[in-house]
């Protein structure tokens, strides 16, 4: 890989548009309520907008004011969001124009940009079979550029995959109540990753974001033999894709569902993103559902 095709100048303009979409959807405007937080206190009322959930209306205050109002809350503490990003060899793949690593970098940059814009702190760790790079949480003005420069450094990418080892690092590295967003294709899981995920989930607010390429999920319909390669061992297998297409897809869906189930069972959250689809609408929908779910707890 010569370099990740991410132009920081261009992506900042794109992020302004994405963040505006997120703010308009009220995901970022009220984004702290989609994370487990303590110390929320009432700040003021604001007018209700038709794009918002009617469940948030304060009917007593609305009756007194003669218009629909929603309570605004402020967080007593600074929210800290930490991204744990998979940079292993399987992420340097793309059957379409964009590699999984490029797509993941845009997801991280977008969420980091929005978090910093809201006045909160972000940090980052890149991992393969080791933690390759860590950036402590901060809300300094140059934090976004530090994160972006790190994400687009091609010399950091590649290598094996050990999620358990990365989670062990986080458990000792971060303080309690940090929001941890794990971004990975989750290909090559091994060892006691569930054990350490459970420990992490008891300490942090954990969200798993699975990034998959279309070819990770479905083989092309090919009558001729094709070569499948293991991204970690370089082992190769010659197959006729059309003959194993159905079984392959069923196996992958089963694997994806099992990983999601594990995250949910330990009290974490989970979303699947596929690189042939823009992630903005999926993230907005995910955070809206999460906000409702947390409100019911």
Protein backbone atom coordinates (compact mmCIF):
# COMPACT_ATOMS: atom_id res chain seq x y z
CA UNK A 1 0.00 0.00 0.00
CA UNK A 2 1.70 3.22 -1.13
CA UNK A 3 -0.61 5.49 0.82
CA UNK A 4 -4.15 5.76 2.09
CA UNK A 5 -6.22 7.76 -0.37
CA UNK A 6 -7.41 10.28 2.18
CA UNK A 7 -6.76 13.97 1.52
CA UNK A 8 -7.03 15.76 4.87
CA UNK A 9 -7.91 19.09 3.21
CA UNK A 10 -10.74 17.55 1.21
CA UNK A 11 -12.02 15.40 4.05
CA UNK A 12 -12.33 18.42 6.36
CA UNK A 13 -14.75 20.00 3.88
CA UNK A 14 -16.63 16.71 3.67
CA UNK A 15 -16.68 16.44 7.46
CA UNK A 16 -18.28 19.88 7.71
CA UNK A 17 -21.16 18.52 5.62
CA UNK A 18 -21.37 15.24 7.56
CA UNK A 19 -21.28 17.03 10.91
CA UNK A 20 -24.01 19.40 9.73
CA UNK A 21 -26.14 16.35 8.88
CA UNK A 22 -25.49 14.85 12.30
CA UNK A 23 -26.26 18.14 14.05
CA UNK A 24 -29.44 18.61 12.03
CA UNK A 25 -30.55 15.11 13.00
CA UNK A 26 -29.98 16.11 16.66
CA UNK A 27 -27.61 13.16 17.06
CA UNK A 28 -24.69 15.45 17.84
CA UNK A 29 -26.83 18.23 19.32
CA UNK A 30 -27.89 15.79 22.04
CA UNK A 31 -25.17 13.24 21.42
CA UNK A 32 -24.14 12.82 25.06
CA UNK A 33 -27.50 11.22 25.76
CA UNK A 34 -26.57 8.31 23.46
CA UNK A 35 -23.72 7.38 25.81
CA UNK A 36 -23.91 6.21 29.38
CA UNK A 37 -23.33 9.36 31.35
CA UNK A 38 -23.63 10.61 34.86
CA UNK A 39 -24.17 14.12 36.10
CA UNK A 40 -26.73 15.30 33.55
CA UNK A 41 -28.52 18.39 34.76
CA UNK A 42 -31.30 20.53 33.33
CA UNK A 43 -30.05 23.63 31.49
CA UNK A 44 -32.91 25.20 29.53
CA UNK A 45 -35.80 24.63 27.14
CA UNK A 46 -35.72 24.85 23.36
CA UNK A 47 -38.36 24.70 20.64
CA UNK A 48 -39.36 21.28 19.33
CA UNK A 49 -38.47 20.47 15.71
CA UNK A 50 -40.48 18.06 13.53
CA UNK A 51 -37.32 16.02 12.80
CA UNK A 52 -37.07 15.06 16.48
CA UNK A 53 -38.59 12.30 18.55
CA UNK A 54 -41.93 13.42 20.05
CA UNK A 55 -41.12 11.41 23.19
CA UNK A 56 -38.70 14.20 24.17
CA UNK A 57 -41.44 16.85 24.44
CA UNK A 58 -42.03 18.31 27.92
CA UNK A 59 -45.83 18.55 27.77
CA UNK A 60 -46.31 20.54 31.00
CA UNK A 61 -43.82 23.22 29.96
CA UNK A 62 -45.27 23.24 26.43
CA UNK A 63 -48.78 23.83 27.79
CA UNK A 64 -47.61 26.77 29.87
CA UNK A 65 -45.63 28.29 26.99
CA UNK A 66 -48.25 27.65 24.32
CA UNK A 67 -45.69 25.92 22.08
CA UNK A 68 -43.87 22.59 21.99
CA UNK A 69 -40.69 22.56 24.09
CA UNK A 70 -37.89 20.09 24.79
CA UNK A 71 -35.61 20.08 27.82
CA UNK A 72 -31.93 20.72 27.22
CA UNK A 73 -29.44 19.04 29.54
CA UNK A 74 -25.77 19.65 30.09
CA UNK A 75 -23.16 17.13 31.13
CA UNK A 76 -21.32 17.96 34.33
CA UNK A 77 -18.20 16.15 33.20
CA UNK A 78 -16.23 16.23 29.99
CA UNK A 79 -17.02 13.24 27.79
CA UNK A 80 -14.01 11.24 26.59
CA UNK A 81 -14.24 9.16 23.42
CA UNK A 82 -11.45 6.73 22.56
CA UNK A 83 -11.14 4.95 19.21
CA UNK A 84 -9.51 1.51 19.05
CA UNK A 85 -8.78 1.03 15.34
CA UNK A 86 -7.79 -2.20 13.58
CA UNK A 87 -4.90 -1.62 11.15
CA UNK A 88 -4.11 -5.31 10.46
CA UNK A 89 -3.51 -6.76 7.00
CA UNK A 90 -7.16 -7.73 6.45
CA UNK A 91 -8.15 -4.05 6.66
CA UNK A 92 -5.91 -3.21 3.69
CA UNK A 93 -8.42 -4.69 1.26
CA UNK A 94 -11.08 -3.42 -1.06
CA UNK A 95 -13.04 -5.03 -3.86
CA UNK A 96 -14.38 -1.56 -4.64
CA UNK A 97 -12.66 1.81 -4.92
CA UNK A 98 -12.24 2.31 -1.16
CA UNK A 99 -10.19 0.07 1.14
CA UNK A 100 -11.69 -0.94 4.47
CA UNK A 101 -8.88 0.98 6.18
CA UNK A 102 -9.78 4.14 4.24
CA UNK A 103 -13.46 3.78 5.06
CA UNK A 104 -12.64 3.17 8.74
CA UNK A 105 -10.38 6.25 8.82
CA UNK A 106 -13.24 8.40 7.49
CA UNK A 107 -15.62 7.00 10.13
CA UNK A 108 -13.12 7.75 12.91
CA UNK A 109 -12.30 11.21 11.55
CA UNK A 110 -15.99 12.10 11.24
CA UNK A 111 -16.90 11.03 14.78
CA UNK A 112 -13.74 12.61 16.22
CA UNK A 113 -14.47 15.87 14.42
CA UNK A 114 -18.04 15.94 15.72
CA UNK A 115 -16.94 15.09 19.28
CA UNK A 116 -14.30 17.82 19.34
CA UNK A 117 -16.77 20.27 17.83
CA UNK A 118 -19.08 19.52 20.77
CA UNK A 119 -16.27 20.46 23.16
CA UNK A 120 -15.30 16.98 24.31
CA UNK A 121 -12.11 14.93 24.21
CA UNK A 122 -10.96 12.20 21.83
CA UNK A 123 -8.06 9.76 21.78
CA UNK A 124 -6.90 6.93 19.56
CA UNK A 125 -5.02 3.63 19.52
CA UNK A 126 -4.08 1.68 16.40
CA UNK A 127 -3.57 -2.05 16.74
CA UNK A 128 -2.72 -5.21 14.82
CA UNK A 129 -1.25 -8.01 16.95
CA UNK A 130 0.27 -5.24 19.07
CA UNK A 131 -0.75 -1.69 19.94
CA UNK A 132 1.20 0.21 17.31
CA UNK A 133 0.33 3.79 18.24
CA UNK A 134 -1.63 5.55 20.97
CA UNK A 135 -2.75 9.16 21.25
CA UNK A 136 -4.04 10.22 24.70
CA UNK A 137 -7.48 11.83 24.96
CA UNK A 138 -7.49 15.58 24.48
CA UNK A 139 -9.71 18.38 23.24
CA UNK A 140 -6.92 20.70 22.16
CA UNK A 141 -7.41 22.52 18.87
CA UNK A 142 -4.78 20.48 17.03
CA UNK A 143 -6.10 17.08 18.20
CA UNK A 144 -8.09 16.45 15.02
CA UNK A 145 -5.02 17.06 12.85
CA UNK A 146 -2.88 14.79 15.05
CA UNK A 147 -5.47 12.00 14.73
CA UNK A 148 -5.91 12.54 10.99
CA UNK A 149 -2.18 12.52 10.30
CA UNK A 150 -1.85 9.26 12.23
CA UNK A 151 -4.79 7.60 10.45
CA UNK A 152 -3.41 8.30 6.97
CA UNK A 153 0.14 7.13 7.70
CA UNK A 154 0.53 4.04 5.45
CA UNK A 155 3.64 2.82 7.28
CA UNK A 156 1.55 1.98 10.35
CA UNK A 157 -0.75 -0.46 8.51
CA UNK A 158 -0.45 -4.23 8.12
CA UNK A 159 0.47 -7.16 10.35
CA UNK A 160 -1.41 -9.72 12.40
CA UNK A 161 -4.53 -9.32 14.52
CA UNK A 162 -5.07 -9.70 18.26
CA UNK A 163 -8.13 -7.95 19.67
CA UNK A 164 -7.66 -9.54 23.12
CA UNK A 165 -4.22 -7.94 23.43
CA UNK A 166 -5.58 -4.53 22.39
CA UNK A 167 -8.41 -4.78 24.93
CA UNK A 168 -5.94 -5.69 27.70
CA UNK A 169 -4.03 -2.52 26.83
CA UNK A 170 -7.19 -0.38 27.04
CA UNK A 171 -8.24 -1.82 30.40
CA UNK A 172 -5.01 -0.61 31.98
CA UNK A 173 -4.57 2.54 29.85
CA UNK A 174 -7.95 4.29 30.21
CA UNK A 175 -9.86 5.46 33.22
CA UNK A 176 -13.46 4.43 33.89
CA UNK A 177 -16.49 5.70 31.95
CA UNK A 178 -14.61 6.49 28.75
CA UNK A 179 -16.61 5.79 25.58
CA UNK A 180 -14.60 3.17 23.64
CA UNK A 181 -15.41 2.67 19.95
CA UNK A 182 -13.77 -0.43 18.46
CA UNK A 183 -13.47 -0.19 14.68
CA UNK A 184 -12.47 -3.43 12.96
CA UNK A 185 -13.54 -6.02 10.41
CA UNK A 186 -13.22 -8.57 13.26
CA UNK A 187 -11.58 -11.04 10.87
CA UNK A 188 -9.11 -13.37 12.58
CA UNK A 189 -10.54 -13.28 16.11
CA UNK A 190 -8.68 -15.61 18.45
CA UNK A 191 -7.74 -16.10 22.07
CA UNK A 192 -9.68 -14.75 25.02
CA UNK A 193 -11.10 -11.71 23.28
CA UNK A 194 -14.58 -12.26 24.76
CA UNK A 195 -13.15 -12.38 28.30
CA UNK A 196 -11.36 -9.06 27.84
CA UNK A 197 -14.33 -7.51 26.02
CA UNK A 198 -16.48 -8.35 29.05
CA UNK A 199 -13.97 -6.70 31.39
CA UNK A 200 -13.77 -3.65 29.12
CA UNK A 201 -17.57 -3.40 28.96
CA UNK A 202 -17.76 -3.34 32.76
CA UNK A 203 -15.37 -0.39 32.84
CA UNK A 204 -16.19 1.56 29.68
CA UNK A 205 -19.14 2.31 27.41
CA UNK A 206 -18.10 0.06 24.51
CA UNK A 207 -19.40 0.22 20.93
CA UNK A 208 -18.24 -2.23 18.27
CA UNK A 209 -18.25 -0.98 14.67
CA UNK A 210 -17.68 -3.77 12.17
CA UNK A 211 -16.33 -2.58 8.80
CA UNK A 212 -16.82 -5.10 6.00
CA UNK A 213 -16.14 -5.04 2.27
CA UNK A 214 -18.89 -6.49 0.04
CA UNK A 215 -16.53 -9.34 -0.93
CA UNK A 216 -16.02 -10.17 2.76
CA UNK A 217 -19.69 -11.06 2.85
CA UNK A 218 -20.48 -12.47 -0.60
CA UNK A 219 -18.29 -14.09 -3.23
CA UNK A 220 -18.71 -13.01 -6.86
CA UNK A 221 -20.49 -15.48 -9.13
CA UNK A 222 -17.52 -16.90 -11.02
CA UNK A 223 -17.59 -20.16 -12.98
CA UNK A 224 -13.81 -20.14 -13.29
CA UNK A 225 -11.44 -20.98 -10.40
CA UNK A 226 -10.37 -18.06 -8.20
CA UNK A 227 -7.75 -17.85 -5.45
CA UNK A 228 -8.72 -17.01 -1.88
CA UNK A 229 -5.85 -15.77 0.30
CA UNK A 230 -5.52 -15.60 4.08
CA UNK A 231 -4.45 -12.00 4.87
CA UNK A 232 -2.41 -13.09 7.89
CA UNK A 233 -0.69 -16.32 6.80
CA UNK A 234 -0.70 -15.85 3.00
CA UNK A 235 -2.12 -19.38 2.66
CA UNK A 236 -4.08 -19.72 -0.57
CA UNK A 237 -6.99 -21.85 -1.70
CA UNK A 238 -8.17 -22.42 -5.26
CA UNK A 239 -11.99 -22.53 -5.46
CA UNK A 240 -14.82 -22.23 -7.95
CA UNK A 241 -16.70 -19.32 -6.36
CA UNK A 242 -20.08 -20.17 -7.85
CA UNK A 243 -20.07 -23.60 -6.17
CA UNK A 244 -19.44 -22.31 -2.64
CA UNK A 245 -21.12 -18.88 -2.89
CA UNK A 246 -24.25 -19.80 -0.89
CA UNK A 247 -22.36 -21.66 1.84
CA UNK A 248 -19.79 -18.88 2.09
CA UNK A 249 -22.44 -16.17 2.52
CA UNK A 250 -24.32 -18.24 5.11
CA UNK A 251 -21.12 -18.85 7.08
CA UNK A 252 -20.19 -15.16 7.07
CA UNK A 253 -23.67 -14.07 8.23
CA UNK A 254 -23.49 -16.64 11.02
CA UNK A 255 -20.08 -15.30 12.04
CA UNK A 256 -21.24 -11.68 11.96
CA UNK A 257 -24.32 -12.48 14.05
CA UNK A 258 -22.20 -14.38 16.59
CA UNK A 259 -19.84 -11.42 17.02
CA UNK A 260 -22.75 -9.00 17.40
CA UNK A 261 -24.39 -11.34 19.93
CA UNK A 262 -21.19 -11.43 21.98
CA UNK A 263 -21.04 -7.63 22.14
CA UNK A 264 -24.68 -7.38 23.19
CA UNK A 265 -24.36 -10.15 25.78
CA UNK A 266 -21.55 -8.33 27.62
CA UNK A 267 -23.58 -5.12 27.68
CA UNK A 268 -21.91 -3.35 24.74
CA UNK A 269 -23.40 -2.08 21.50
CA UNK A 270 -22.72 -3.01 17.90
CA UNK A 271 -23.19 -1.78 14.33
CA UNK A 272 -22.21 -3.24 10.95
CA UNK A 273 -21.04 -0.87 8.19
CA UNK A 274 -20.32 -2.00 4.62
CA UNK A 275 -17.90 0.00 2.47
CA UNK A 276 -20.16 0.26 -0.59
CA UNK A 277 -22.65 2.37 1.38
CA UNK A 278 -22.17 5.85 2.93
CA UNK A 279 -22.00 5.54 6.70
CA UNK A 280 -23.73 8.78 7.74
CA UNK A 281 -27.35 7.58 7.62
CA UNK A 282 -26.49 4.26 9.27
CA UNK A 283 -24.70 6.04 12.14
CA UNK A 284 -27.58 8.46 12.62
CA UNK A 285 -30.06 5.56 12.76
CA UNK A 286 -27.81 3.61 15.12
CA UNK A 287 -27.38 6.48 17.59
CA UNK A 288 -31.09 7.28 17.52
CA UNK A 289 -31.98 3.69 18.41
CA UNK A 290 -29.27 3.60 21.06
CA UNK A 291 -30.60 6.79 22.64
CA UNK A 292 -34.10 5.30 22.92
CA UNK A 293 -32.74 2.05 24.34
CA UNK A 294 -30.65 3.79 26.99
CA UNK A 295 -33.62 5.93 27.98
CA UNK A 296 -35.61 2.79 28.77
CA UNK A 297 -32.91 1.33 31.05
